[in-house]
């Protein structure tokens, strides 16, 4: 039996405009331009004023003096007629040699082309070296397969059995394990040294064996890498000195030689070029002790609703004929006009929210932005800023997590200015950033032969008035990517 009930619920639903604003708010400046271009392509009722300036008469702009003369008015209407398709499709002028020439002159010497830098990739470099080695066809194909199987860091992480299977299926080459191993040794002699290694130990040994083997330091370095690599990476130097019966000075020379080696002989140059480009959303300048906050101009695009679409809508709306096609056209135009208005409103609201939030952060951390000293950072959480600007914590979080500010002493993520409070022995609340800065200074000034343990660092902080437990010191040290004392030890 069907039972029907009536139930009342109190729900909070976001409107499409609110959802659009939230999405735009969390978009950083570097991605906002692409988002605006995407909206301009999808919505013909939205216009960019910077582009409209090129195509529209001056009278349409209210900030222009109406009495000012405009040359375009003197031109005949023929200048603005639709273009001739034949002229548009007309081929460029070509000289008798089949090359294009400029109508204003054909002096080839005056035309300069941009040079293009040619750079061989990591794999192309290895292939060029393989081409210079006199090899039978079968060995050459094996070498090509090995080079193609290398990772970006230059290591070969595929097993010999897998390489044999790949050769059989892809190249129709049936190779033995010894043949693949022999070709791998050939490739391991290529540059950069260490390429083709199957692990770190083999990579270091390949590089060491290419050095002067008559040098006793090199010989001992090979012995350490072969037999005591685990102790070396864990910096158990005392154990190595005792086992190998060498002095601290000898070990220091050996360690220095090993540290010169490249643990990743692959094409690291290509990886390094792909660096993140940070475009700041805000700029803070110090004008004789007064901080001035400005918003990046890319966050304030000149957008407007298309006037032609507005006139089109008014024309359709006033039309006497109301057939089905006309109603569909009116509905489409109105939908695009409303969407354009919502988008412009969301962009303006985004600008206001960004400025309001950053202004509150700047005044909260005024001393820090004046000096750039992290010890002047006050404890600040999202709720502090949310209460100041009268907005929700989630709104402040969206601004802080993806926006950058450029100051006179660097460009920083807004999230980095938020920190928890720590109470000193005098009862004063300070930022944990201040404690991290002191920790960094203590570790930077320590004797690397006897680095400070976490317990000792906790004692130093206690002497300075910061009563912090050892586990908290360890947490801060790990957050700053600083290894434990044993791994910071140097000879």
Protein backbone atom coordinates (compact mmCIF):
# COMPACT_ATOMS: atom_id res chain seq x y z
CA UNK A 1 0.00 0.00 0.00
CA UNK A 2 1.41 3.39 -1.01
CA UNK A 3 1.89 5.81 1.88
CA UNK A 4 2.42 9.50 1.20
CA UNK A 5 4.07 11.85 3.69
CA UNK A 6 4.68 15.56 3.90
CA UNK A 7 8.03 16.55 5.30
CA UNK A 8 9.62 19.97 5.82
CA UNK A 9 13.38 20.41 5.47
CA UNK A 10 15.61 23.45 5.83
CA UNK A 11 18.26 23.27 3.08
CA UNK A 12 20.87 25.73 1.91
CA UNK A 13 21.46 25.62 -1.82
CA UNK A 14 23.89 27.74 -3.78
CA UNK A 15 22.61 29.64 -6.77
CA UNK A 16 24.43 29.33 -10.12
CA UNK A 17 25.84 32.84 -9.58
CA UNK A 18 27.29 31.87 -6.19
CA UNK A 19 28.85 28.72 -7.61
CA UNK A 20 30.41 30.73 -10.44
CA UNK A 21 31.84 33.26 -7.96
CA UNK A 22 33.33 30.50 -5.77
CA UNK A 23 35.01 28.88 -8.75
CA UNK A 24 36.43 32.20 -9.96
CA UNK A 25 37.62 33.16 -6.47
CA UNK A 26 39.90 30.15 -6.12
CA UNK A 27 41.38 30.60 -9.62
CA UNK A 28 44.84 32.23 -9.46
CA UNK A 29 45.81 35.10 -11.74
CA UNK A 30 47.84 32.86 -14.04
CA UNK A 31 44.67 30.84 -14.84
CA UNK A 32 42.14 33.70 -14.80
CA UNK A 33 43.12 34.95 -18.26
CA UNK A 34 42.48 31.51 -19.77
CA UNK A 35 39.13 31.29 -17.94
CA UNK A 36 38.05 34.69 -19.33
CA UNK A 37 39.08 33.72 -22.87
CA UNK A 38 37.09 30.51 -22.53
CA UNK A 39 33.99 32.48 -21.45
CA UNK A 40 34.45 34.96 -24.32
CA UNK A 41 34.54 32.09 -26.80
CA UNK A 42 31.46 30.41 -25.34
CA UNK A 43 29.35 33.55 -24.85
CA UNK A 44 29.10 35.98 -27.80
CA UNK A 45 27.17 38.43 -25.59
CA UNK A 46 30.32 39.05 -23.55
CA UNK A 47 32.94 41.47 -24.87
CA UNK A 48 36.44 42.45 -23.89
CA UNK A 49 36.76 46.24 -24.02
CA UNK A 50 40.48 46.05 -24.81
CA UNK A 51 39.56 44.26 -28.04
CA UNK A 52 36.42 46.30 -28.71
CA UNK A 53 38.49 49.50 -28.77
CA UNK A 54 39.98 48.41 -32.07
CA UNK A 55 36.69 48.01 -33.88
CA UNK A 56 34.20 50.55 -32.52
CA UNK A 57 33.76 54.31 -33.02
CA UNK A 58 34.72 56.66 -30.23
CA UNK A 59 31.16 57.97 -29.57
CA UNK A 60 30.26 54.73 -27.78
CA UNK A 61 32.60 55.51 -24.88
CA UNK A 62 31.20 57.86 -22.25
CA UNK A 63 34.64 58.95 -21.03
CA UNK A 64 35.51 60.41 -24.46
CA UNK A 65 34.79 64.05 -25.22
CA UNK A 66 31.83 64.06 -27.67
CA UNK A 67 33.05 67.30 -29.26
CA UNK A 68 36.41 65.75 -30.14
CA UNK A 69 36.85 65.13 -33.85
CA UNK A 70 37.12 61.62 -35.20
CA UNK A 71 38.79 60.98 -38.52
CA UNK A 72 36.75 57.87 -39.22
CA UNK A 73 33.59 60.00 -39.64
CA UNK A 74 35.09 61.62 -42.73
CA UNK A 75 35.59 58.30 -44.40
CA UNK A 76 33.05 56.98 -46.83
CA UNK A 77 30.81 54.11 -45.80
CA UNK A 78 32.46 52.00 -48.46
CA UNK A 79 35.50 51.64 -46.19
CA UNK A 80 33.39 49.68 -43.73
CA UNK A 81 31.62 47.41 -46.20
CA UNK A 82 32.07 43.67 -45.97
CA UNK A 83 35.38 42.42 -47.32
CA UNK A 84 35.61 40.88 -50.76
CA UNK A 85 36.07 37.12 -50.52
CA UNK A 86 38.16 37.13 -53.68
CA UNK A 87 40.63 39.56 -52.10
CA UNK A 88 40.71 37.46 -48.96
CA UNK A 89 41.56 34.29 -50.87
CA UNK A 90 44.05 36.00 -53.17
CA UNK A 91 47.44 34.35 -53.06
CA UNK A 92 50.46 36.18 -51.76
CA UNK A 93 52.74 37.76 -54.33
CA UNK A 94 55.37 35.27 -55.44
CA UNK A 95 58.52 36.04 -57.36
CA UNK A 96 59.90 34.05 -60.26
CA UNK A 97 61.82 31.80 -57.87
CA UNK A 98 58.68 30.76 -56.04
CA UNK A 99 59.39 32.74 -52.87
CA UNK A 100 57.24 35.48 -51.33
CA UNK A 101 58.43 39.05 -51.55
CA UNK A 102 57.40 42.28 -49.90
CA UNK A 103 55.52 44.77 -52.09
CA UNK A 104 57.45 47.61 -50.47
CA UNK A 105 60.80 46.19 -51.48
CA UNK A 106 62.54 42.95 -52.32
CA UNK A 107 65.83 43.49 -50.52
CA UNK A 108 66.55 40.09 -48.98
CA UNK A 109 69.37 41.49 -46.84
CA UNK A 110 66.99 43.68 -44.86
CA UNK A 111 64.84 40.74 -43.81
CA UNK A 112 66.25 38.99 -40.76
CA UNK A 113 64.92 35.70 -39.47
CA UNK A 114 64.88 34.59 -35.87
CA UNK A 115 67.56 31.94 -35.28
CA UNK A 116 66.30 28.67 -33.80
CA UNK A 117 68.44 26.92 -31.22
CA UNK A 118 69.05 23.28 -32.05
CA UNK A 119 69.66 21.02 -29.06
CA UNK A 120 69.94 17.24 -29.02
CA UNK A 121 67.87 15.42 -26.46
CA UNK A 122 69.26 12.85 -24.05
CA UNK A 123 68.13 9.92 -26.20
CA UNK A 124 69.32 11.53 -29.44
CA UNK A 125 72.74 12.04 -27.89
CA UNK A 126 72.97 8.35 -26.97
CA UNK A 127 71.74 7.32 -30.42
CA UNK A 128 74.44 9.45 -32.06
CA UNK A 129 77.09 7.73 -29.95
CA UNK A 130 75.64 4.32 -30.87
CA UNK A 131 75.85 5.21 -34.58
CA UNK A 132 79.61 5.74 -34.24
CA UNK A 133 80.25 2.26 -32.82
CA UNK A 134 80.97 -0.41 -35.49
CA UNK A 135 78.40 -3.12 -34.66
CA UNK A 136 76.58 -5.95 -36.41
CA UNK A 137 72.94 -5.25 -37.27
CA UNK A 138 71.66 -7.47 -34.46
CA UNK A 139 73.77 -5.75 -31.79
CA UNK A 140 72.76 -2.35 -33.15
CA UNK A 141 69.06 -3.21 -32.76
CA UNK A 142 69.71 -4.47 -29.22
CA UNK A 143 71.49 -1.21 -28.42
CA UNK A 144 68.57 0.81 -29.77
CA UNK A 145 66.15 -1.20 -27.63
CA UNK A 146 68.25 -0.59 -24.50
CA UNK A 147 68.46 3.16 -25.16
CA UNK A 148 64.72 3.35 -25.72
CA UNK A 149 64.12 1.52 -22.43
CA UNK A 150 66.11 3.98 -20.29
CA UNK A 151 64.24 6.18 -17.85
CA UNK A 152 64.55 9.99 -17.89
CA UNK A 153 67.18 9.86 -15.13
CA UNK A 154 69.38 7.54 -17.25
CA UNK A 155 68.70 4.29 -15.34
CA UNK A 156 67.70 0.97 -16.91
CA UNK A 157 64.97 -0.44 -14.68
CA UNK A 158 63.71 -3.14 -17.05
CA UNK A 159 65.05 -6.63 -16.57
CA UNK A 160 67.13 -8.41 -19.20
CA UNK A 161 64.32 -10.92 -19.73
CA UNK A 162 61.87 -8.10 -20.51
CA UNK A 163 64.30 -6.60 -23.01
CA UNK A 164 64.66 -9.97 -24.75
CA UNK A 165 60.86 -10.26 -24.98
CA UNK A 166 60.55 -6.73 -26.34
CA UNK A 167 63.16 -7.45 -29.01
CA UNK A 168 61.36 -10.61 -30.06
CA UNK A 169 57.91 -9.01 -30.31
CA UNK A 170 58.76 -5.55 -31.67
CA UNK A 171 61.96 -6.11 -33.69
CA UNK A 172 61.66 -9.84 -34.49
CA UNK A 173 65.16 -10.21 -33.02
CA UNK A 174 65.88 -13.28 -30.91
CA UNK A 175 68.72 -12.39 -28.55
CA UNK A 176 70.46 -14.26 -25.78
CA UNK A 177 70.93 -12.85 -22.29
CA UNK A 178 74.71 -12.59 -22.78
CA UNK A 179 74.24 -10.52 -25.95
CA UNK A 180 72.01 -8.02 -24.15
CA UNK A 181 74.44 -7.81 -21.22
CA UNK A 182 77.37 -7.20 -23.59
CA UNK A 183 75.51 -4.38 -25.39
CA UNK A 184 74.53 -2.86 -22.04
CA UNK A 185 78.23 -2.64 -21.13
CA UNK A 186 78.87 -0.84 -24.43
CA UNK A 187 76.16 1.73 -23.66
CA UNK A 188 77.45 2.15 -20.09
CA UNK A 189 80.65 3.50 -21.65
CA UNK A 190 78.71 6.31 -23.32
CA UNK A 191 78.46 9.86 -22.05
CA UNK A 192 77.16 11.05 -19.65
CA UNK A 193 79.05 8.73 -17.33
CA UNK A 194 76.77 6.43 -15.35
CA UNK A 195 74.08 6.08 -17.99
CA UNK A 196 72.56 2.60 -18.32
CA UNK A 197 73.07 1.71 -14.66
CA UNK A 198 70.48 -0.49 -12.99
CA UNK A 199 70.81 1.04 -9.52
CA UNK A 200 72.62 3.82 -7.68
CA UNK A 201 75.55 1.62 -6.71
CA UNK A 202 76.26 0.60 -10.31
CA UNK A 203 75.84 4.23 -11.45
CA UNK A 204 78.48 5.48 -8.98
CA UNK A 205 80.86 2.61 -9.78
CA UNK A 206 80.68 3.29 -13.54
CA UNK A 207 81.66 6.91 -12.94
CA UNK A 208 84.45 6.06 -10.49
CA UNK A 209 86.00 3.45 -12.80
CA UNK A 210 86.29 6.08 -15.54
CA UNK A 211 88.57 8.11 -13.27
CA UNK A 212 92.30 7.63 -12.56
CA UNK A 213 92.54 4.16 -11.02
CA UNK A 214 96.13 4.84 -9.97
CA UNK A 215 94.83 7.35 -7.46
CA UNK A 216 94.48 5.64 -4.03
CA UNK A 217 91.52 7.90 -3.14
CA UNK A 218 89.61 6.62 -6.18
CA UNK A 219 90.46 3.00 -5.35
CA UNK A 220 89.20 3.39 -1.77
CA UNK A 221 86.09 5.20 -2.99
CA UNK A 222 85.31 2.24 -5.26
CA UNK A 223 85.76 -0.11 -2.30
CA UNK A 224 83.38 1.94 -0.13
CA UNK A 225 80.70 2.09 -2.84
CA UNK A 226 81.05 -1.64 -3.53
CA UNK A 227 80.99 -2.86 0.06
CA UNK A 228 79.78 -0.10 2.41
CA UNK A 229 77.31 2.02 0.44
CA UNK A 230 74.58 1.58 3.06
CA UNK A 231 76.90 2.81 5.82
CA UNK A 232 78.00 5.69 3.60
CA UNK A 233 74.43 6.88 2.87
CA UNK A 234 73.60 6.66 6.59
CA UNK A 235 76.79 8.62 7.38
CA UNK A 236 78.19 5.99 9.73
CA UNK A 237 81.67 7.43 9.15
CA UNK A 238 83.15 6.06 12.37
CA UNK A 239 82.27 2.53 11.33
CA UNK A 240 83.81 3.01 7.86
CA UNK A 241 87.03 4.43 9.36
CA UNK A 242 87.30 1.46 11.70
CA UNK A 243 86.59 -1.23 9.07
CA UNK A 244 88.85 0.27 6.38
CA UNK A 245 91.52 1.39 8.87
CA UNK A 246 91.71 4.93 7.46
CA UNK A 247 91.98 8.35 9.09
CA UNK A 248 89.31 11.05 9.17
CA UNK A 249 91.32 13.11 6.68
CA UNK A 250 91.49 10.22 4.21
CA UNK A 251 87.77 9.58 4.58
CA UNK A 252 87.04 13.26 4.01
CA UNK A 253 88.89 13.14 0.67
CA UNK A 254 87.05 9.95 -0.31
CA UNK A 255 83.65 11.36 0.59
CA UNK A 256 84.42 14.53 -1.35
CA UNK A 257 85.26 12.44 -4.42
CA UNK A 258 82.02 10.44 -4.15
CA UNK A 259 79.92 13.56 -3.68
CA UNK A 260 81.22 14.92 -6.99
CA UNK A 261 79.48 12.06 -8.84
CA UNK A 262 76.12 12.51 -10.54
CA UNK A 263 73.44 10.19 -9.09
CA UNK A 264 71.08 11.02 -11.98
CA UNK A 265 73.06 11.07 -15.23
CA UNK A 266 69.96 11.36 -17.42
CA UNK A 267 68.59 14.44 -19.11
CA UNK A 268 68.14 16.53 -15.97
CA UNK A 269 68.51 19.76 -17.96
CA UNK A 270 65.09 19.33 -19.55
CA UNK A 271 63.50 18.79 -16.13
CA UNK A 272 65.13 21.92 -14.71
CA UNK A 273 63.78 24.13 -17.48
CA UNK A 274 60.18 23.28 -16.57
CA UNK A 275 59.99 25.61 -13.63
CA UNK A 276 56.81 27.04 -12.24
CA UNK A 277 56.27 30.67 -13.17
CA UNK A 278 54.55 32.55 -10.35
CA UNK A 279 52.47 35.60 -11.28
CA UNK A 280 51.63 37.59 -8.14
CA UNK A 281 48.00 38.51 -7.51
CA UNK A 282 48.90 41.47 -5.28
CA UNK A 283 51.71 44.00 -4.96
CA UNK A 284 52.71 45.63 -1.68
CA UNK A 285 55.08 48.60 -1.80
CA UNK A 286 56.61 50.55 1.07
CA UNK A 287 56.10 54.29 0.52
CA UNK A 288 58.12 55.95 3.29
CA UNK A 289 56.78 53.64 5.99
CA UNK A 290 53.26 53.46 4.56
CA UNK A 291 52.26 50.19 2.87
CA UNK A 292 50.36 50.49 -0.41
CA UNK A 293 48.37 47.49 -1.69
CA UNK A 294 47.50 47.10 -5.37
CA UNK A 295 45.76 44.33 -7.28
CA UNK A 296 47.37 42.81 -10.34
CA UNK A 297 45.81 44.43 -13.41
CA UNK A 298 45.13 40.98 -14.89
CA UNK A 299 42.57 40.48 -12.10
CA UNK A 300 40.57 43.48 -13.34
CA UNK A 301 39.73 42.84 -17.02
CA UNK A 302 37.56 45.34 -18.92
CA UNK A 303 34.47 43.30 -19.71
CA UNK A 304 31.01 44.44 -20.77
CA UNK A 305 27.78 43.09 -22.17
CA UNK A 306 27.59 43.30 -25.97
CA UNK A 307 25.47 46.27 -27.07
CA UNK A 308 24.59 44.59 -30.33
CA UNK A 309 23.11 41.66 -28.39
CA UNK A 310 21.16 44.06 -26.15
CA UNK A 311 19.73 45.83 -29.21
CA UNK A 312 18.96 42.46 -30.78
CA UNK A 313 17.05 41.38 -27.68
CA UNK A 314 15.07 44.65 -27.55
CA UNK A 315 14.25 44.30 -31.26
CA UNK A 316 13.06 40.70 -30.87
CA UNK A 317 11.13 41.50 -27.72
CA UNK A 318 9.23 44.36 -29.38
CA UNK A 319 8.51 42.40 -32.54
CA UNK A 320 4.84 41.92 -33.32
CA UNK A 321 5.32 38.42 -34.66
CA UNK A 322 5.79 35.85 -31.92
CA UNK A 323 6.29 32.60 -33.76
CA UNK A 324 8.17 29.61 -32.33
CA UNK A 325 11.53 30.40 -33.97
CA UNK A 326 11.41 34.00 -32.75
CA UNK A 327 10.66 32.86 -29.19
CA UNK A 328 13.62 30.47 -29.34
CA UNK A 329 15.86 33.30 -30.58
CA UNK A 330 14.66 35.61 -27.78
CA UNK A 331 15.26 32.88 -25.20
CA UNK A 332 18.77 32.22 -26.53
CA UNK A 333 19.75 35.91 -26.58
CA UNK A 334 18.33 36.51 -23.08
CA UNK A 335 20.21 33.47 -21.75
CA UNK A 336 23.50 34.74 -23.16
CA UNK A 337 22.88 38.27 -21.85
CA UNK A 338 22.12 37.00 -18.35
CA UNK A 339 25.17 34.74 -18.41
CA UNK A 340 27.39 37.67 -19.44
CA UNK A 341 26.00 39.87 -16.63
CA UNK A 342 26.53 37.13 -14.06
CA UNK A 343 30.11 36.58 -15.21
CA UNK A 344 30.94 40.31 -15.04
CA UNK A 345 29.37 40.56 -11.58
CA UNK A 346 31.35 37.51 -10.43
CA UNK A 347 34.61 39.05 -11.69
CA UNK A 348 33.87 42.33 -9.87
CA UNK A 349 32.93 40.49 -6.69
CA UNK A 350 36.14 38.50 -6.99
CA UNK A 351 38.20 41.70 -7.19
CA UNK A 352 36.48 43.17 -4.13
CA UNK A 353 36.92 39.99 -2.10
CA UNK A 354 40.60 39.65 -3.02
CA UNK A 355 41.37 43.25 -2.06
CA UNK A 356 39.34 43.05 1.14
CA UNK A 357 41.05 39.84 2.27
CA UNK A 358 44.58 40.93 1.36
CA UNK A 359 44.08 44.32 2.97
CA UNK A 360 43.10 42.63 6.24
CA UNK A 361 46.15 40.32 6.05
CA UNK A 362 48.46 43.27 5.30
CA UNK A 363 47.23 45.28 8.31
CA UNK A 364 47.32 42.22 10.57
CA UNK A 365 50.97 41.56 9.62
CA UNK A 366 51.94 45.22 9.12
CA UNK A 367 55.29 44.98 10.94
CA UNK A 368 56.31 41.96 8.88
CA UNK A 369 55.53 43.61 5.53
CA UNK A 370 57.52 46.67 6.61
CA UNK A 371 60.67 44.74 7.55
CA UNK A 372 60.46 41.31 5.94
CA UNK A 373 61.68 39.72 9.18
CA UNK A 374 59.82 36.46 9.87
CA UNK A 375 60.23 37.05 13.59
CA UNK A 376 57.75 39.92 13.24
CA UNK A 377 55.01 37.58 12.01
CA UNK A 378 52.06 37.52 14.38
CA UNK A 379 50.12 34.31 15.06
CA UNK A 380 47.25 34.34 12.56
CA UNK A 381 44.63 31.78 11.62
CA UNK A 382 41.89 31.87 8.99
CA UNK A 383 39.27 32.77 11.57
CA UNK A 384 41.13 35.97 12.51
CA UNK A 385 40.87 37.32 8.95
CA UNK A 386 37.33 35.97 8.44
CA UNK A 387 36.15 37.87 11.52
CA UNK A 388 37.84 41.08 10.35
CA UNK A 389 36.25 41.09 6.88
CA UNK A 390 32.94 39.54 7.92
CA UNK A 391 33.17 36.56 5.59
CA UNK A 392 33.22 32.81 5.96
CA UNK A 393 36.44 30.93 6.76
CA UNK A 394 36.10 28.92 3.52
CA UNK A 395 36.21 32.16 1.51
CA UNK A 396 39.46 33.24 3.19
CA UNK A 397 40.85 29.75 2.63
CA UNK A 398 40.13 29.90 -1.11
CA UNK A 399 41.98 33.20 -1.34
CA UNK A 400 44.95 32.13 0.79
CA UNK A 401 45.57 28.73 -0.82
CA UNK A 402 46.19 29.89 -4.39
CA UNK A 403 47.17 33.57 -4.36
CA UNK A 404 50.62 35.18 -4.22
CA UNK A 405 51.74 38.62 -3.06
CA UNK A 406 54.85 40.39 -4.32
CA UNK A 407 56.76 42.43 -1.74
CA UNK A 408 60.09 44.22 -1.72
CA UNK A 409 61.72 41.12 -0.22
CA UNK A 410 60.15 38.36 -2.29
CA UNK A 411 56.97 36.78 -3.61
CA UNK A 412 55.03 34.61 -1.17
CA UNK A 413 51.95 32.42 -1.03
CA UNK A 414 49.33 34.00 1.26
CA UNK A 415 48.99 30.70 3.09
CA UNK A 416 52.57 31.09 4.38
CA UNK A 417 51.53 34.07 6.54
CA UNK A 418 49.16 31.95 8.61
CA UNK A 419 50.63 30.23 11.64
CA UNK A 420 49.69 28.88 15.04
CA UNK A 421 50.44 30.63 18.31
CA UNK A 422 53.04 29.49 20.83
CA UNK A 423 53.13 30.89 24.34
CA UNK A 424 56.49 31.92 25.79
CA UNK A 425 57.48 31.70 29.44
CA UNK A 426 56.53 35.38 29.85
CA UNK A 427 52.98 34.60 28.65
CA UNK A 428 53.42 36.34 25.29
CA UNK A 429 51.97 34.61 22.23
CA UNK A 430 54.34 34.33 19.25
CA UNK A 431 54.06 32.69 15.85
CA UNK A 432 55.53 29.24 15.34
CA UNK A 433 57.24 30.81 12.29
CA UNK A 434 59.46 32.65 14.76
CA UNK A 435 60.41 29.37 16.42
CA UNK A 436 61.15 27.77 13.04
CA UNK A 437 63.37 30.73 12.13
CA UNK A 438 65.37 30.31 15.36
CA UNK A 439 65.64 26.56 14.73
CA UNK A 440 66.93 27.22 11.21
CA UNK A 441 69.55 29.64 12.56
CA UNK A 442 70.67 27.19 15.26
CA UNK A 443 71.08 24.37 12.73
CA UNK A 444 72.79 26.67 10.24
CA UNK A 445 75.39 27.77 12.83
CA UNK A 446 76.01 24.33 14.35
CA UNK A 447 79.30 22.44 14.16
CA UNK A 448 78.66 20.03 11.29
CA UNK A 449 81.13 17.54 12.77
CA UNK A 450 78.91 17.40 15.87
CA UNK A 451 75.39 18.46 14.77
CA UNK A 452 72.76 19.31 17.35
CA UNK A 453 70.25 16.60 18.24
CA UNK A 454 66.57 17.42 18.71
CA UNK A 455 66.95 17.24 22.51
CA UNK A 456 69.73 19.84 22.41
CA UNK A 457 67.68 22.08 20.09
CA UNK A 458 64.76 21.88 22.53
CA UNK A 459 67.10 22.95 25.36
CA UNK A 460 68.37 25.94 23.32
CA UNK A 461 64.79 27.04 22.62
CA UNK A 462 63.93 26.69 26.30
CA UNK A 463 66.86 28.95 27.19
CA UNK A 464 65.43 31.53 24.77
CA UNK A 465 62.05 31.36 26.47
CA UNK A 466 60.24 28.90 24.18
CA UNK A 467 59.07 25.90 26.19
CA UNK A 468 58.74 23.36 23.35
CA UNK A 469 58.90 19.56 23.58
CA UNK A 470 61.44 17.51 21.63
CA UNK A 471 58.74 15.91 19.44
CA UNK A 472 57.52 19.41 18.47
CA UNK A 473 61.08 20.35 17.51
CA UNK A 474 61.25 17.20 15.37
CA UNK A 475 57.93 18.13 13.72
CA UNK A 476 59.14 21.64 12.85
CA UNK A 477 62.49 20.30 11.60
CA UNK A 478 60.76 17.82 9.29
CA UNK A 479 58.40 20.55 8.04
CA UNK A 480 61.49 22.55 6.99
CA UNK A 481 62.96 19.45 5.22
CA UNK A 482 65.96 19.37 7.56
CA UNK A 483 67.32 15.83 8.19
CA UNK A 484 68.16 14.40 11.61
CA UNK A 485 71.48 15.22 13.28
CA UNK A 486 73.21 12.03 12.10
CA UNK A 487 72.48 12.82 8.44
CA UNK A 488 73.70 16.42 8.84
CA UNK A 489 77.10 15.25 10.00
CA UNK A 490 80.10 16.30 7.90
CA UNK A 491 83.79 15.42 8.14
